[in-house]
Amino acid sequence: MARGMAKLAAVSLTKLPAGMHGDGGGLWLQVTPSGARTWIFRFRANGRARAMGLGPLHTVSLAEARTKARECRQLRLSGIDPLEARKAEKTAAQIRAATVVTFKQCAERYIAAHKAGWGNVRHLDQWKRSLAAYVYPFFGELPVQAIDVGLVMKALEPIWTAKPETASRVRGRVESILDWATARGYRQGENPARWKGHLENLLPKKSKVSRIKHHEALPYPELPDFMAALRQHDEIEGRALAFTILTAARTNEVIGAHPIEIDFDKRVWTVPASRMKAGVEHRLPLSDDALALLRAAANTQGGAPAGRLFPIAPTAMLKFLRRRLKRKGITVHGFRSSFQDWAAEQTSFRREDVERALAHTIENRTEAAYNRADLLERRRPLMEAWAAYCGGQNNVVSLGERRRARNG
């Protein structure tokens, strides 16, 4: 050990009186009259005596202070002023922080730069809504430089097999945005959303995924024509199916519905916890079309509180689809996916409201803590817009926005 170095002992540091206590090699412990203890590195630069704080004793130990002092001495050997070096590093960090942009900011700038070339307003809306629904919840607010394969996979995996066409488009959009960010100097390195030679090794091809059977859903653009055809049938199974579609409910929730669960004045259907998948009571706002179907069902059943509104078997609606409507490529449950895809790609309604409309568990604690009545009224324009779309109206987005604005 060099002579005149390491003069202080860790066990006595808290007992030293006020003043400057040298450890050697330019390292000093400054003790103020109030008892505060701070490490100081003293040196000379350009003929001037200078002092550089290394941190308080309660945070920086003796060993850590000696390491910091040694680093300062190494800088002095290279002719560098440690104080100026620290200032330069702090300035560089501030510049880096000021130039950091999030993925969402890059996406918005990419869209703004390319929308004139797209021409199609619907194409622009699809970009915005698909990113808001499937990407931003995972890494929209993160720095674009921080986006890696793990984050991209976290966004894509939940929809890759359930919605292969949508997932493929989302992946391509993320890739384009990241390429743009790299070209603009906002990020460096490989594109984690690239398919060829990269994600193709982690995810199955879309052509193979498309053959996987889930709850086959009718593509939402076909819903208006499908509903028009469905209205030509007056069987109870057809009315139950129409009501199921309009409410985005599950089969057992609909076929078990009783008149006592319906508040016609408040336009609300309350499904008890016993019939809900999550075991929690669920309230659904009812559109005019849904209410009309319920009134017809109640009249047919004589309005008896003890009777079911749609007294049919659990498989009756699926059989109706297969036999009466000759639709063998879709399922009753699949209409929930049709509703979800429509809401994500064709409207600006909140993702949380769509999830609540489907009675999915809300993971966001703040959202889940909202008053139930508030959630109900927030979902009402969503369900009215869905009914309008199913009825063949093309202005569902503006309809929903007008109702939301009117309801605050």
Protein backbone atom coordinates (compact mmCIF):
# COMPACT_ATOMS: atom_id res chain seq x y z
CA MET A 1 0.00 0.00 0.00
CA ALA A 2 1.35 3.42 -0.93
CA ARG A 3 2.75 5.43 1.91
CA GLY A 4 0.40 8.08 3.20
CA MET A 5 -2.68 6.33 1.79
CA ALA A 6 -5.69 4.77 3.56
CA LYS A 7 -5.22 6.72 6.76
CA LEU A 8 -8.84 6.54 7.89
CA ALA A 9 -10.55 3.59 9.56
CA ALA A 10 -14.20 2.80 8.80
CA VAL A 11 -15.06 2.13 12.45
CA SER A 12 -14.07 5.64 13.56
CA LEU A 13 -15.59 7.73 10.78
CA THR A 14 -18.75 8.59 12.68
CA LYS A 15 -16.72 9.72 15.73
CA LEU A 16 -14.44 12.22 13.97
CA PRO A 17 -14.87 15.85 15.07
CA ALA A 18 -15.76 18.77 12.79
CA GLY A 19 -13.09 19.56 10.22
CA MET A 20 -11.28 17.98 7.25
CA HIS A 21 -9.89 14.48 7.72
CA GLY A 22 -7.53 13.15 5.04
CA ASP A 23 -7.40 9.54 3.87
CA GLY A 24 -4.57 10.21 1.41
CA GLY A 25 -4.40 10.52 -2.36
CA GLY A 26 -6.65 13.59 -2.35
CA LEU A 27 -9.56 11.92 -0.51
CA TRP A 28 -10.95 13.81 2.48
CA LEU A 29 -13.91 13.41 4.81
CA GLN A 30 -15.48 16.77 5.58
CA VAL A 31 -17.34 16.95 8.89
CA THR A 32 -19.47 20.08 9.44
CA PRO A 33 -20.30 21.55 12.87
CA SER A 34 -23.80 20.10 12.48
CA GLY A 35 -22.32 16.62 12.12
CA ALA A 36 -22.89 16.12 8.38
CA ARG A 37 -20.15 13.99 6.80
CA THR A 38 -19.25 14.27 3.10
CA TRP A 39 -16.47 12.82 0.97
CA ILE A 40 -14.34 15.36 -0.92
CA PHE A 41 -11.68 14.82 -3.57
CA ARG A 42 -9.11 17.63 -3.65
CA PHE A 43 -6.83 18.23 -6.62
CA ARG A 44 -5.15 20.96 -8.65
CA ALA A 45 -5.98 21.79 -12.29
CA ASN A 46 -4.44 24.57 -14.33
CA GLY A 47 -2.73 25.88 -11.22
CA ARG A 48 -5.99 26.15 -9.27
CA ALA A 49 -7.04 24.21 -6.19
CA ARG A 50 -10.32 22.41 -6.80
CA ALA A 51 -12.63 20.24 -4.73
CA MET A 52 -15.14 17.66 -5.95
CA GLY A 53 -17.89 16.13 -3.81
CA LEU A 54 -18.09 12.33 -3.89
CA GLY A 55 -21.23 11.86 -1.80
CA PRO A 56 -22.29 11.69 1.87
CA LEU A 57 -20.90 9.09 4.24
CA HIS A 58 -24.34 7.61 4.94
CA THR A 59 -24.58 6.68 1.24
CA VAL A 60 -20.95 6.23 0.13
CA SER A 61 -18.82 3.91 2.22
CA LEU A 62 -15.09 4.37 2.82
CA ALA A 63 -14.26 1.65 0.30
CA GLU A 64 -16.55 3.23 -2.32
CA ALA A 65 -15.05 6.67 -1.66
CA ARG A 66 -11.55 5.28 -2.18
CA THR A 67 -12.65 3.76 -5.50
CA LYS A 68 -14.12 7.05 -6.65
CA ALA A 69 -10.96 8.92 -5.61
CA ARG A 70 -8.80 6.43 -7.53
CA GLU A 71 -10.91 7.01 -10.67
CA CYS A 72 -10.43 10.75 -10.25
CA ARG A 73 -6.65 10.32 -9.93
CA GLN A 74 -6.63 8.22 -13.12
CA LEU A 75 -8.41 11.04 -14.96
CA ARG A 76 -5.82 13.52 -13.66
CA LEU A 77 -3.03 11.29 -15.02
CA SER A 78 -4.67 11.67 -18.45
CA GLY A 79 -4.84 15.43 -18.04
CA ILE A 80 -8.60 15.44 -17.50
CA ASP A 81 -10.35 17.58 -14.90
CA PRO A 82 -12.73 15.22 -13.01
CA LEU A 83 -15.18 18.05 -12.30
CA GLU A 84 -15.38 19.04 -15.97
CA ALA A 85 -15.72 15.39 -16.98
CA ARG A 86 -18.69 14.96 -14.62
CA LYS A 87 -20.35 18.12 -15.93
CA ALA A 88 -19.89 16.91 -19.52
CA GLU A 89 -21.40 13.52 -18.66
CA LYS A 90 -24.40 15.17 -16.98
CA THR A 91 -24.96 17.42 -19.98
CA ALA A 92 -24.76 14.46 -22.35
CA ALA A 93 -27.32 12.56 -20.24
CA GLN A 94 -29.67 15.54 -20.32
CA ILE A 95 -29.34 15.75 -24.10
CA ARG A 96 -30.06 12.03 -24.44
CA ALA A 97 -33.13 12.35 -22.23
CA ALA A 98 -34.38 15.33 -24.22
CA THR A 99 -34.07 13.45 -27.51
CA VAL A 100 -35.73 10.21 -26.33
CA VAL A 101 -39.03 9.56 -28.09
CA THR A 102 -41.59 6.90 -27.29
CA PHE A 103 -42.87 4.26 -29.67
CA LYS A 104 -46.26 5.97 -29.72
CA GLN A 105 -44.68 9.29 -30.69
CA CYS A 106 -42.80 7.58 -33.51
CA ALA A 107 -46.00 5.87 -34.64
CA GLU A 108 -47.87 9.17 -34.73
CA ARG A 109 -45.07 10.83 -36.71
CA TYR A 110 -44.86 7.89 -39.10
CA ILE A 111 -48.61 8.04 -39.73
CA ALA A 112 -48.48 11.81 -40.23
CA ALA A 113 -45.65 11.41 -42.74
CA HIS A 114 -47.40 8.70 -44.79
CA LYS A 115 -51.13 9.42 -44.56
CA ALA A 116 -51.10 11.71 -47.61
CA GLY A 117 -49.87 8.81 -49.71
CA TRP A 118 -52.46 6.39 -48.39
CA GLY A 119 -55.42 8.42 -49.56
CA ASN A 120 -57.94 6.05 -47.99
CA VAL A 121 -59.28 7.46 -44.70
CA ARG A 122 -60.34 3.99 -43.60
CA HIS A 123 -56.76 2.75 -44.01
CA LEU A 124 -55.57 5.59 -41.77
CA ASP A 125 -58.18 4.75 -39.12
CA GLN A 126 -57.21 1.07 -39.17
CA TRP A 127 -53.58 1.96 -38.47
CA LYS A 128 -54.51 4.16 -35.53
CA ARG A 129 -57.03 1.77 -33.99
CA SER A 130 -55.02 -1.41 -34.37
CA LEU A 131 -51.99 0.20 -32.73
CA ALA A 132 -54.13 1.62 -29.92
CA ALA A 133 -55.81 -1.74 -29.32
CA TYR A 134 -52.93 -4.19 -29.68
CA VAL A 135 -49.60 -2.34 -29.32
CA TYR A 136 -49.79 0.78 -27.15
CA PRO A 137 -51.00 -1.11 -24.03
CA PHE A 138 -47.72 -3.07 -24.10
CA PHE A 139 -45.04 -0.56 -25.12
CA GLY A 140 -46.62 2.61 -26.50
CA GLU A 141 -45.11 4.82 -23.79
CA LEU A 142 -41.68 3.18 -23.74
CA PRO A 143 -38.67 4.74 -25.50
CA VAL A 144 -38.54 3.44 -29.05
CA GLN A 145 -34.90 2.43 -28.49
CA ALA A 146 -36.06 0.08 -25.71
CA ILE A 147 -38.38 -1.98 -27.95
CA ASP A 148 -36.99 -5.49 -28.20
CA VAL A 149 -38.13 -8.94 -29.30
CA GLY A 150 -39.67 -9.71 -25.91
CA LEU A 151 -41.93 -6.68 -26.05
CA VAL A 152 -42.96 -7.32 -29.66
CA MET A 153 -43.80 -10.92 -28.81
CA LYS A 154 -45.78 -9.79 -25.76
CA ALA A 155 -48.01 -7.73 -28.05
CA LEU A 156 -48.33 -10.29 -30.84
CA GLU A 157 -48.71 -13.61 -29.03
CA PRO A 158 -52.19 -12.94 -27.56
CA ILE A 159 -53.64 -12.35 -31.04
CA TRP A 160 -51.37 -14.40 -33.31
CA THR A 161 -53.54 -17.53 -33.33
CA ALA A 162 -56.86 -15.92 -32.41
CA LYS A 163 -56.70 -13.16 -35.06
CA PRO A 164 -53.98 -14.14 -37.55
CA GLU A 165 -54.90 -11.59 -40.22
CA THR A 166 -55.04 -8.71 -37.74
CA ALA A 167 -51.87 -9.89 -35.98
CA SER A 168 -49.96 -10.07 -39.27
CA ARG A 169 -50.96 -6.52 -40.14
CA VAL A 170 -50.04 -5.26 -36.68
CA ARG A 171 -46.60 -6.89 -36.92
CA GLY A 172 -45.98 -5.25 -40.29
CA ARG A 173 -47.03 -1.87 -38.94
CA VAL A 174 -44.72 -2.17 -35.94
CA GLU A 175 -41.86 -3.17 -38.25
CA SER A 176 -42.44 -0.14 -40.49
CA ILE A 177 -42.55 2.25 -37.53
CA LEU A 178 -39.32 0.84 -36.08
CA ASP A 179 -37.59 1.07 -39.48
CA TRP A 180 -38.70 4.71 -39.69
CA ALA A 181 -37.39 5.38 -36.17
CA THR A 182 -34.02 3.88 -37.11
CA ALA A 183 -33.82 5.99 -40.25
CA ARG A 184 -34.56 9.10 -38.21
CA GLY A 185 -31.86 8.25 -35.68
CA TYR A 186 -34.22 7.50 -32.77
CA ARG A 187 -33.02 3.92 -32.37
CA GLN A 188 -30.19 1.61 -33.39
CA GLY A 189 -29.83 -2.09 -34.00
CA GLU A 190 -31.89 -4.81 -35.64
CA ASN A 191 -35.63 -4.48 -36.10
CA PRO A 192 -37.25 -6.84 -33.53
CA ALA A 193 -40.49 -6.97 -35.54
CA ARG A 194 -38.83 -8.21 -38.74
CA TRP A 195 -40.40 -11.43 -40.02
CA LYS A 196 -37.91 -12.99 -42.44
CA GLY A 197 -35.07 -14.71 -40.64
CA HIS A 198 -36.33 -13.47 -37.30
CA LEU A 199 -39.92 -13.71 -36.02
CA GLU A 200 -40.61 -16.51 -38.49
CA ASN A 201 -38.46 -18.60 -36.16
CA LEU A 202 -40.61 -17.70 -33.14
CA LEU A 203 -44.17 -17.64 -34.53
CA PRO A 204 -46.06 -20.02 -36.86
CA LYS A 205 -46.81 -18.81 -40.37
CA LYS A 206 -50.13 -17.06 -40.84
CA SER A 207 -51.20 -19.64 -43.43
CA LYS A 208 -50.84 -22.42 -40.85
CA VAL A 209 -52.43 -20.45 -38.03
CA SER A 210 -55.48 -19.73 -40.17
CA ARG A 211 -56.25 -23.44 -40.25
CA ILE A 212 -56.35 -23.72 -36.46
CA LYS A 213 -59.96 -24.02 -35.29
CA HIS A 214 -61.10 -21.72 -32.50
CA HIS A 215 -64.57 -20.23 -32.17
CA GLU A 216 -64.96 -19.37 -35.85
CA ALA A 217 -66.06 -15.77 -36.16
CA LEU A 218 -67.99 -14.08 -38.92
CA PRO A 219 -65.84 -11.22 -40.31
CA TYR A 220 -67.48 -8.06 -39.04
CA PRO A 221 -67.89 -6.49 -42.52
CA GLU A 222 -70.39 -9.29 -43.21
CA LEU A 223 -72.48 -8.59 -40.10
CA PRO A 224 -74.98 -6.12 -41.65
CA ASP A 225 -75.94 -8.56 -44.43
CA PHE A 226 -76.02 -11.47 -41.99
CA MET A 227 -78.36 -9.59 -39.64
CA ALA A 228 -80.62 -8.61 -42.52
CA ALA A 229 -80.93 -12.30 -43.46
CA LEU A 230 -81.46 -13.27 -39.82
CA ARG A 231 -84.40 -10.85 -39.50
CA GLN A 232 -86.22 -12.85 -42.15
CA HIS A 233 -86.62 -15.70 -39.62
CA ASP A 234 -89.12 -15.46 -36.78
CA GLU A 235 -88.15 -18.61 -34.89
CA ILE A 236 -87.23 -18.19 -31.24
CA GLU A 237 -83.74 -19.50 -32.01
CA GLY A 238 -83.26 -16.70 -34.54
CA ARG A 239 -84.45 -14.03 -32.10
CA ALA A 240 -82.18 -15.42 -29.41
CA LEU A 241 -79.25 -15.39 -31.82
CA ALA A 242 -79.95 -11.79 -32.82
CA PHE A 243 -80.13 -10.77 -29.16
CA THR A 244 -76.86 -12.63 -28.46
CA ILE A 245 -75.12 -10.76 -31.27
CA LEU A 246 -76.46 -7.35 -30.26
CA THR A 247 -75.38 -7.79 -26.63
CA ALA A 248 -72.08 -9.63 -27.36
CA ALA A 249 -73.16 -12.04 -24.64
CA ARG A 250 -72.41 -15.74 -24.15
CA THR A 251 -74.91 -18.47 -25.01
CA ASN A 252 -75.71 -19.58 -21.46
CA GLU A 253 -76.20 -15.97 -20.37
CA VAL A 254 -78.84 -15.46 -23.08
CA ILE A 255 -80.77 -18.72 -22.86
CA GLY A 256 -81.02 -18.33 -19.08
CA ALA A 257 -82.31 -14.74 -19.20
CA HIS A 258 -85.47 -14.07 -17.15
CA PRO A 259 -87.84 -11.10 -17.30
CA ILE A 260 -86.91 -10.19 -13.71
CA GLU A 261 -83.37 -9.50 -14.91
CA ILE A 262 -84.53 -6.79 -17.32
CA ASP A 263 -85.12 -3.18 -16.34
CA PHE A 264 -86.98 -1.88 -19.38
CA ASP A 265 -87.15 1.68 -18.02
CA LYS A 266 -83.41 1.95 -17.39
CA ARG A 267 -82.63 -0.19 -20.45
CA VAL A 268 -80.38 -2.56 -18.49
CA TRP A 269 -80.03 -6.33 -18.36
CA THR A 270 -78.43 -7.65 -15.16
CA VAL A 271 -77.00 -11.15 -15.45
CA PRO A 272 -76.53 -12.77 -12.02
CA ALA A 273 -73.10 -14.02 -10.97
CA SER A 274 -74.29 -17.63 -11.11
CA ARG A 275 -74.50 -17.49 -14.92
CA MET A 276 -71.33 -15.50 -15.53
CA LYS A 277 -68.05 -17.16 -16.46
CA ALA A 278 -66.09 -14.99 -14.00
CA GLY A 279 -68.69 -15.48 -11.25
CA VAL A 280 -69.39 -11.74 -11.03
CA GLU A 281 -72.71 -10.02 -11.72
CA HIS A 282 -72.68 -8.30 -15.12
CA ARG A 283 -74.86 -5.40 -16.28
CA LEU A 284 -75.42 -4.77 -19.98
CA PRO A 285 -76.82 -1.56 -21.50
CA LEU A 286 -79.52 -2.41 -24.03
CA SER A 287 -79.92 -0.82 -27.45
CA ASP A 288 -83.32 -0.18 -29.03
CA ASP A 289 -83.01 -3.29 -31.20
CA ALA A 290 -82.07 -5.47 -28.24
CA LEU A 291 -84.97 -4.11 -26.20
CA ALA A 292 -87.38 -4.80 -29.06
CA LEU A 293 -86.30 -8.45 -29.12
CA LEU A 294 -86.75 -8.72 -25.34
CA ARG A 295 -90.22 -7.18 -25.45
CA ALA A 296 -91.24 -9.60 -28.16
CA ALA A 297 -89.86 -12.50 -26.13
CA ALA A 298 -91.62 -11.30 -22.96
CA ASN A 299 -94.93 -11.01 -24.79
CA THR A 300 -94.50 -14.47 -26.26
CA GLN A 301 -93.88 -15.90 -22.80
CA GLY A 302 -96.74 -13.94 -21.30
CA GLY A 303 -94.30 -11.85 -19.24
CA ALA A 304 -94.20 -14.54 -16.55
CA PRO A 305 -91.34 -13.69 -14.17
CA ALA A 306 -90.62 -17.37 -13.57
CA GLY A 307 -90.14 -18.26 -17.24
CA ARG A 308 -87.05 -17.89 -19.41
CA LEU A 309 -87.23 -15.35 -22.20
CA PHE A 310 -85.52 -17.72 -24.64
CA PRO A 311 -86.44 -21.23 -23.45
CA ILE A 312 -84.19 -23.15 -25.85
CA ALA A 313 -81.47 -25.75 -25.50
CA PRO A 314 -77.78 -24.70 -25.23
CA THR A 315 -77.10 -26.00 -28.74
CA ALA A 316 -80.24 -24.59 -30.36
CA MET A 317 -78.67 -21.41 -31.76
CA LEU A 318 -75.70 -23.29 -33.23
CA LYS A 319 -78.07 -25.77 -34.88
CA PHE A 320 -80.09 -22.84 -36.22
CA LEU A 321 -76.92 -21.44 -37.77
CA ARG A 322 -76.06 -24.77 -39.35
CA ARG A 323 -79.48 -25.94 -40.54
CA ARG A 324 -81.67 -22.89 -41.13
CA LEU A 325 -79.05 -20.34 -42.15
CA LYS A 326 -76.70 -22.87 -43.78
CA ARG A 327 -73.69 -21.26 -42.09
CA LYS A 328 -71.26 -24.02 -41.14
CA GLY A 329 -68.09 -21.96 -40.88
CA ILE A 330 -69.02 -19.86 -37.85
CA THR A 331 -70.11 -20.35 -34.25
CA VAL A 332 -72.38 -18.44 -31.89
CA HIS A 333 -69.48 -17.61 -29.59
CA GLY A 334 -67.52 -16.30 -32.57
CA PHE A 335 -69.79 -13.26 -32.80
CA ARG A 336 -68.08 -11.94 -29.67
CA SER A 337 -64.84 -11.88 -31.64
CA SER A 338 -66.64 -10.13 -34.50
CA PHE A 339 -67.74 -7.45 -32.04
CA GLN A 340 -64.25 -7.12 -30.57
CA ASP A 341 -62.58 -6.83 -33.99
CA TRP A 342 -65.13 -4.23 -35.14
CA ALA A 343 -64.63 -2.14 -32.01
CA ALA A 344 -60.84 -2.26 -32.29
CA GLU A 345 -60.54 -1.58 -36.01
CA GLN A 346 -63.55 0.58 -36.84
CA THR A 347 -64.25 2.70 -33.75
CA SER A 348 -62.46 4.92 -31.27
CA PHE A 349 -64.10 3.47 -28.17
CA ARG A 350 -61.83 2.68 -25.23
CA ARG A 351 -60.31 -0.78 -25.10
CA GLU A 352 -61.28 -1.08 -21.42
CA ASP A 353 -64.94 -0.47 -22.27
CA VAL A 354 -64.88 -3.14 -24.98
CA GLU A 355 -63.33 -5.63 -22.55
CA ARG A 356 -65.96 -4.82 -19.94
CA ALA A 357 -68.74 -5.17 -22.54
CA LEU A 358 -67.47 -8.70 -23.14
CA ALA A 359 -67.37 -9.31 -19.36
CA HIS A 360 -63.63 -9.91 -19.50
CA THR A 361 -61.66 -9.37 -16.33
CA ILE A 362 -60.18 -5.85 -16.25
CA GLU A 363 -56.50 -6.12 -15.28
CA ASN A 364 -55.99 -2.38 -14.88
CA ARG A 365 -56.71 -1.76 -11.19
CA THR A 366 -57.62 1.88 -11.68
CA GLU A 367 -60.11 1.00 -14.41
CA ALA A 368 -61.54 -1.85 -12.36
CA ALA A 369 -62.07 0.47 -9.41
CA TYR A 370 -64.39 2.81 -11.34
CA ASN A 371 -68.01 3.00 -10.21
CA ARG A 372 -70.12 0.34 -11.90
CA ALA A 373 -72.79 2.82 -13.02
CA ASP A 374 -70.12 4.98 -14.64
CA LEU A 375 -68.85 2.01 -16.60
CA LEU A 376 -72.38 1.16 -17.64
CA GLU A 377 -73.04 4.61 -19.09
CA ARG A 378 -69.66 4.64 -20.80
CA ARG A 379 -70.56 1.35 -22.49
CA ARG A 380 -74.03 2.43 -23.59
CA PRO A 381 -72.94 4.39 -26.70
CA LEU A 382 -70.64 1.49 -27.62
CA MET A 383 -73.54 -0.98 -27.70
CA GLU A 384 -75.79 1.49 -29.54
CA ALA A 385 -73.08 1.98 -32.16
CA TRP A 386 -72.74 -1.80 -32.50
CA ALA A 387 -76.49 -2.19 -32.98
CA ALA A 388 -76.44 0.58 -35.57
CA TYR A 389 -73.62 -1.15 -37.43
CA CYS A 390 -75.42 -4.49 -37.36
CA GLY A 391 -78.46 -2.66 -38.68
CA GLY A 392 -76.55 -1.46 -41.72
CA GLN A 393 -75.79 2.12 -40.65
CA ASN A 394 -72.38 3.31 -41.80
CA ASN A 395 -71.95 6.21 -39.41
CA VAL A 396 -71.40 4.16 -36.28
CA VAL A 397 -68.20 5.90 -35.28
CA SER A 398 -69.67 9.38 -35.38
CA LEU A 399 -72.81 8.10 -33.67
CA GLY A 400 -70.76 6.74 -30.79
CA GLU A 401 -68.72 9.90 -30.51
CA ARG A 402 -71.83 12.09 -30.46
CA ARG A 403 -73.37 10.03 -27.66
CA ARG A 404 -70.16 10.06 -25.68
CA ALA A 405 -69.88 13.81 -26.01
CA ARG A 406 -73.51 14.24 -24.94
CA ASN A 407 -73.04 12.01 -21.90
CA GLY A 408 -69.79 13.71 -20.87
